[in-house]
């Protein structure tokens, strides 16, 4: 996951259609529940955008980078 902006990690993933984007959102959601680390997720036709940071410190921690790498591998 790239797109580092300030204190967030953000990446936009492209898909062929809405259904594939939704499927990816659900996979990210399952990972988030397993990890106890919950990103902001937005999506629409052909895309999903995932933004990761630690709300508690309003910045990035090592766990953010680990979670982002796991999202990249989905």
N, C-alpha and C. Protein backbone atom coordinates (compact mmCIF):
# COMPACT_ATOMS: atom_id res chain seq x y z
N UNK A 1 0.86 -1.17 0.00
CA UNK A 1 0.00 0.00 0.00
C UNK A 1 0.91 1.22 0.00
N UNK A 2 0.63 2.14 -0.86
CA UNK A 2 1.44 3.35 -0.95
C UNK A 2 0.59 4.57 -0.72
N UNK A 3 0.93 5.64 -1.39
CA UNK A 3 0.14 6.85 -1.31
C UNK A 3 0.17 7.50 0.04
N UNK A 4 1.31 7.56 0.64
CA UNK A 4 1.41 8.15 1.98
C UNK A 4 1.14 9.65 1.89
N UNK A 5 0.16 10.09 2.63
CA UNK A 5 -0.20 11.51 2.66
C UNK A 5 -0.22 11.94 4.11
N UNK A 6 0.79 12.68 4.51
CA UNK A 6 0.81 13.13 5.89
C UNK A 6 0.95 11.98 6.85
N UNK A 7 -0.08 11.71 7.57
CA UNK A 7 -0.02 10.65 8.58
C UNK A 7 -0.98 9.50 8.27
N UNK A 8 -1.27 9.30 6.99
CA UNK A 8 -2.13 8.22 6.55
C UNK A 8 -1.42 7.41 5.46
N UNK A 9 -1.82 6.16 5.34
CA UNK A 9 -1.46 5.35 4.18
C UNK A 9 -2.75 5.17 3.39
N UNK A 10 -2.70 5.48 2.11
CA UNK A 10 -3.92 5.41 1.30
C UNK A 10 -3.58 4.76 -0.04
N UNK A 11 -4.48 3.87 -0.47
CA UNK A 11 -4.31 3.25 -1.78
C UNK A 11 -5.66 3.04 -2.42
N UNK A 12 -5.70 3.29 -3.72
CA UNK A 12 -6.90 3.03 -4.52
C UNK A 12 -6.64 1.79 -5.34
N UNK A 13 -7.54 0.82 -5.22
CA UNK A 13 -7.46 -0.43 -5.97
C UNK A 13 -8.50 -0.37 -7.09
N UNK A 14 -8.15 -0.82 -8.28
CA UNK A 14 -9.05 -0.80 -9.44
C UNK A 14 -9.60 -2.19 -9.72
N UNK A 15 -10.86 -2.22 -10.12
CA UNK A 15 -11.54 -3.48 -10.43
C UNK A 15 -12.36 -3.33 -11.70
N UNK A 16 -12.79 -4.46 -12.23
CA UNK A 16 -13.55 -4.46 -13.48
C UNK A 16 -14.99 -3.97 -13.32
N UNK A 17 -15.54 -4.08 -12.09
CA UNK A 17 -16.94 -3.71 -11.90
C UNK A 17 -17.24 -3.50 -10.42
N UNK A 18 -18.47 -3.19 -10.13
CA UNK A 18 -18.91 -2.94 -8.77
C UNK A 18 -18.81 -4.19 -7.89
N UNK A 19 -19.23 -5.31 -8.44
CA UNK A 19 -19.24 -6.56 -7.68
C UNK A 19 -17.84 -6.94 -7.19
N UNK A 20 -16.82 -6.79 -8.05
CA UNK A 20 -15.45 -7.11 -7.65
C UNK A 20 -14.95 -6.14 -6.58
N UNK A 21 -15.31 -4.88 -6.71
CA UNK A 21 -14.92 -3.89 -5.70
C UNK A 21 -15.56 -4.23 -4.36
N UNK A 22 -16.82 -4.59 -4.37
CA UNK A 22 -17.52 -4.97 -3.14
C UNK A 22 -16.91 -6.23 -2.53
N UNK A 23 -16.57 -7.19 -3.35
CA UNK A 23 -15.94 -8.41 -2.86
C UNK A 23 -14.63 -8.08 -2.12
N UNK A 24 -13.85 -7.15 -2.69
CA UNK A 24 -12.60 -6.75 -2.06
C UNK A 24 -12.86 -6.03 -0.74
N UNK A 25 -13.87 -5.16 -0.72
CA UNK A 25 -14.24 -4.46 0.53
C UNK A 25 -14.54 -5.49 1.62
N UNK A 26 -15.28 -6.52 1.27
CA UNK A 26 -15.62 -7.54 2.26
C UNK A 26 -14.39 -8.30 2.74
N UNK A 27 -13.44 -8.54 1.85
CA UNK A 27 -12.20 -9.21 2.25
C UNK A 27 -11.38 -8.31 3.19
N UNK A 28 -11.33 -7.03 2.88
CA UNK A 28 -10.63 -6.08 3.76
C UNK A 28 -11.32 -6.05 5.12
N UNK A 29 -12.66 -6.06 5.12
CA UNK A 29 -13.41 -6.06 6.37
C UNK A 29 -13.13 -7.29 7.22
N UNK A 30 -13.05 -8.44 6.58
CA UNK A 30 -12.73 -9.67 7.32
C UNK A 30 -11.33 -9.59 7.93
N UNK A 31 -10.37 -9.11 7.15
CA UNK A 31 -9.01 -8.94 7.65
C UNK A 31 -8.99 -7.96 8.82
N UNK A 32 -9.71 -6.87 8.69
CA UNK A 32 -9.76 -5.86 9.75
C UNK A 32 -10.30 -6.45 11.05
N UNK A 33 -11.33 -7.25 10.96
CA UNK A 33 -11.89 -7.88 12.16
C UNK A 33 -10.90 -8.86 12.77
N UNK A 34 -10.22 -9.65 11.92
CA UNK A 34 -9.22 -10.60 12.42
C UNK A 34 -8.08 -9.89 13.13
N UNK A 35 -7.65 -8.77 12.58
CA UNK A 35 -6.49 -8.06 13.09
C UNK A 35 -6.83 -7.05 14.18
N UNK A 36 -8.11 -6.70 14.31
CA UNK A 36 -8.50 -5.67 15.26
C UNK A 36 -7.96 -4.30 14.85
N UNK A 37 -7.83 -4.12 13.56
CA UNK A 37 -7.27 -2.87 13.01
C UNK A 37 -8.20 -2.43 11.88
N UNK A 38 -8.88 -1.33 12.05
CA UNK A 38 -10.00 -0.99 11.17
C UNK A 38 -9.72 0.26 10.33
N UNK A 39 -9.49 0.07 9.03
CA UNK A 39 -9.21 1.19 8.14
C UNK A 39 -10.50 1.89 7.73
N UNK A 40 -10.35 3.03 7.11
CA UNK A 40 -11.47 3.66 6.42
C UNK A 40 -11.50 3.07 5.02
N UNK A 41 -12.69 2.69 4.56
CA UNK A 41 -12.83 2.06 3.25
C UNK A 41 -13.94 2.77 2.49
N UNK A 42 -13.63 3.15 1.26
CA UNK A 42 -14.64 3.72 0.37
C UNK A 42 -14.61 2.94 -0.93
N UNK A 43 -15.74 2.84 -1.60
CA UNK A 43 -15.74 2.13 -2.87
C UNK A 43 -16.90 2.58 -3.74
N UNK A 44 -16.78 2.23 -5.00
CA UNK A 44 -17.81 2.50 -5.99
C UNK A 44 -17.56 1.61 -7.18
N UNK A 45 -18.15 1.94 -8.30
CA UNK A 45 -18.01 1.10 -9.48
C UNK A 45 -16.54 1.07 -9.92
N UNK A 46 -15.91 -0.09 -9.79
CA UNK A 46 -14.57 -0.30 -10.29
C UNK A 46 -13.43 0.14 -9.40
N UNK A 47 -13.71 0.55 -8.18
CA UNK A 47 -12.61 0.96 -7.31
C UNK A 47 -12.95 0.74 -5.84
N UNK A 48 -11.89 0.58 -5.06
CA UNK A 48 -11.97 0.59 -3.60
C UNK A 48 -10.79 1.41 -3.11
N UNK A 49 -11.02 2.29 -2.15
CA UNK A 49 -9.95 3.07 -1.56
C UNK A 49 -9.85 2.72 -0.08
N UNK A 50 -8.64 2.38 0.34
CA UNK A 50 -8.40 1.98 1.73
C UNK A 50 -7.43 2.98 2.35
N UNK A 51 -7.80 3.52 3.51
CA UNK A 51 -6.96 4.47 4.24
C UNK A 51 -6.69 3.91 5.63
N UNK A 52 -5.40 3.86 5.98
CA UNK A 52 -4.97 3.25 7.23
C UNK A 52 -4.21 4.28 8.05
N UNK A 53 -4.54 4.35 9.33
CA UNK A 53 -3.77 5.09 10.33
C UNK A 53 -4.31 4.71 11.69
N UNK A 54 -3.57 5.04 12.72
CA UNK A 54 -4.00 4.72 14.07
C UNK A 54 -4.70 5.95 14.66
N UNK A 55 -5.99 5.81 14.83
CA UNK A 55 -6.81 6.92 15.32
C UNK A 55 -6.35 7.40 16.70
N UNK A 56 -5.97 6.45 17.55
CA UNK A 56 -5.61 6.78 18.94
C UNK A 56 -4.47 7.79 19.03
N UNK A 57 -3.48 7.66 18.13
CA UNK A 57 -2.35 8.60 18.16
C UNK A 57 -2.43 9.61 17.02
N UNK A 58 -3.46 9.47 16.18
CA UNK A 58 -3.65 10.34 15.01
C UNK A 58 -2.38 10.35 14.14
N UNK A 59 -1.89 9.14 13.88
CA UNK A 59 -0.69 9.00 13.07
C UNK A 59 -0.45 7.54 12.73
N UNK A 60 0.75 7.26 12.26
CA UNK A 60 1.11 5.92 11.82
C UNK A 60 1.94 5.18 12.87
N UNK A 61 1.67 3.88 12.96
CA UNK A 61 2.45 2.99 13.82
C UNK A 61 2.93 1.82 12.97
N UNK A 62 3.78 1.01 13.53
CA UNK A 62 4.27 -0.17 12.81
C UNK A 62 3.11 -1.06 12.39
N UNK A 63 2.09 -1.20 13.24
CA UNK A 63 0.95 -2.06 12.91
C UNK A 63 0.19 -1.55 11.69
N UNK A 64 0.20 -0.24 11.44
CA UNK A 64 -0.44 0.29 10.24
C UNK A 64 0.25 -0.22 8.99
N UNK A 65 1.57 -0.22 9.01
CA UNK A 65 2.34 -0.69 7.86
C UNK A 65 2.15 -2.19 7.66
N UNK A 66 2.09 -2.94 8.74
CA UNK A 66 1.85 -4.38 8.66
C UNK A 66 0.46 -4.65 8.07
N UNK A 67 -0.54 -3.94 8.58
CA UNK A 67 -1.90 -4.14 8.07
C UNK A 67 -1.97 -3.76 6.59
N UNK A 68 -1.36 -2.64 6.22
CA UNK A 68 -1.37 -2.21 4.82
C UNK A 68 -0.73 -3.24 3.91
N UNK A 69 0.35 -3.85 4.35
CA UNK A 69 1.01 -4.89 3.55
C UNK A 69 0.09 -6.10 3.38
N UNK A 70 -0.67 -6.43 4.40
CA UNK A 70 -1.60 -7.55 4.31
C UNK A 70 -2.73 -7.22 3.33
N UNK A 71 -3.20 -5.99 3.33
CA UNK A 71 -4.23 -5.57 2.37
C UNK A 71 -3.68 -5.69 0.95
N UNK A 72 -2.44 -5.28 0.75
CA UNK A 72 -1.82 -5.38 -0.57
C UNK A 72 -1.79 -6.81 -1.09
N UNK A 73 -1.72 -7.78 -0.18
CA UNK A 73 -1.63 -9.19 -0.58
C UNK A 73 -2.99 -9.85 -0.80
N UNK A 74 -4.08 -9.15 -0.50
CA UNK A 74 -5.42 -9.76 -0.69
C UNK A 74 -5.70 -9.97 -2.17
